[in-house]
Protein backbone atom coordinates (compact mmCIF):
# COMPACT_ATOMS: atom_id res chain seq x y z
CA MET A 1 21.31 84.13 126.61
CA LEU A 2 23.82 82.82 123.59
CA LYS A 3 27.42 83.73 124.84
CA PRO A 4 30.16 83.21 122.85
CA LEU A 5 31.72 80.79 122.02
CA HIS A 6 29.03 78.64 120.23
CA ASN A 7 29.00 76.66 117.32
CA PHE A 8 25.30 76.74 116.00
CA ASP A 9 24.31 76.95 112.11
CA ALA A 10 20.97 78.41 113.01
CA CYS A 11 18.51 79.71 115.59
CA PHE A 12 15.32 79.06 114.90
CA MET A 13 13.51 82.29 117.60
CA ASP A 14 10.16 82.21 119.15
CA LEU A 15 9.10 85.52 118.58
CA GLN A 16 6.06 84.97 121.17
CA MET A 17 8.33 83.88 124.64
CA PRO A 18 6.29 84.57 128.56
CA GLU A 19 10.08 86.57 129.48
CA MET A 20 11.10 87.94 127.18
CA ASP A 21 10.29 88.03 123.15
CA GLY A 22 12.08 87.01 120.07
CA PHE A 23 12.76 90.34 119.04
CA GLU A 24 14.45 91.21 122.04
CA VAL A 25 16.46 88.30 122.56
CA THR A 26 17.64 88.89 118.90
CA ARG A 27 18.37 92.76 119.42
CA GLN A 28 20.18 91.13 122.61
CA ILE A 29 22.47 88.58 120.54
CA ARG A 30 23.31 91.31 118.15
CA ILE A 31 24.35 93.14 120.83
CA LEU A 32 26.51 90.97 121.95
CA GLU A 33 28.16 89.80 118.34
CA ASN A 34 29.02 93.41 117.62
CA ASP A 35 30.57 93.97 121.02
CA VAL A 36 32.55 90.88 120.17
CA ASN A 37 33.38 91.13 116.79
CA GLU A 38 34.62 94.96 117.24
CA LYS A 39 36.59 93.60 120.14
CA ILE A 40 38.61 91.53 117.87
CA ALA A 41 38.73 93.84 115.01
CA CYS A 42 40.38 96.57 117.43
CA GLY A 43 42.70 93.87 118.82
CA GLU A 44 41.56 93.81 122.11
CA ALA A 45 40.60 90.18 122.13
CA SER A 46 41.98 87.73 119.45
CA ALA A 47 39.70 84.91 117.55
CA GLU A 48 41.24 82.18 119.12
CA MET A 49 39.50 83.66 122.43
CA PHE A 50 36.44 82.40 120.23
CA GLY A 51 37.34 79.46 119.00
CA ASP A 52 39.22 80.98 115.97
CA ILE A 53 35.91 83.13 114.79
CA PHE A 54 36.70 85.77 112.93
CA TYR A 55 33.52 87.02 112.62
CA TRP A 56 30.78 86.03 115.21
CA HIS A 57 27.00 85.86 113.39
CA ILE A 58 24.34 83.37 113.87
CA PRO A 59 21.47 83.14 111.57
CA ILE A 60 18.72 83.94 113.53
CA LEU A 61 14.69 82.72 111.97
CA ALA A 62 11.62 83.65 113.37
CA MET A 63 9.44 81.03 114.00
CA THR A 64 5.60 82.40 114.68
CA ALA A 65 2.13 81.84 113.15
CA ASP A 66 1.91 85.34 113.05
CA VAL A 67 2.52 86.77 109.57
CA THR A 68 1.79 90.30 109.60
CA GLN A 69 3.69 92.80 107.68
CA ALA A 70 4.32 94.78 111.03
CA SER A 71 6.33 91.42 112.24
CA ASN A 72 7.73 90.55 109.28
CA GLU A 73 9.47 94.17 109.36
CA GLU A 74 10.24 94.18 113.42
CA CYS A 75 12.06 91.14 112.48
CA LYS A 76 13.73 92.73 110.03
CA LYS A 77 14.47 95.80 112.27
CA CYS A 78 16.44 93.61 114.89
CA GLY A 79 18.25 91.74 112.69
CA MET A 80 16.68 88.22 111.87
CA ALA A 81 17.76 86.85 108.81
CA GLN A 82 14.65 85.40 107.97
CA TYR A 83 10.84 85.56 108.99
CA PRO A 84 9.22 82.24 107.13
CA ALA A 85 5.76 82.57 106.88
CA ASN A 86 3.90 79.06 107.18
CA LEU A 87 6.91 77.13 107.33
CA PHE A 88 5.65 73.60 107.77
CA SER A 89 2.13 72.25 106.36
CA ALA A 90 -0.40 70.68 108.75
CA GLU A 91 0.54 67.89 106.76
CA GLU A 92 4.08 67.82 107.72
């Protein structure tokens, strides 16, 4: 599981993983981010503890062959930034 302190620009999330699907992983990451951000905001923790990050948030992009509307809506609901359908063509 992703933990603070991280130094990523973005995360590509596979939606269909064996032990925990990408929706649940994203939910867990968002909960962790919210906890850290609340602690910084209320003074319980300093930004220096997290590498001078004052607001912790990583864009999460869904990676899946499932292009259904239901999956798109679930991605948005759990906090993913993007749900790109067909990122790459066969030639790429």
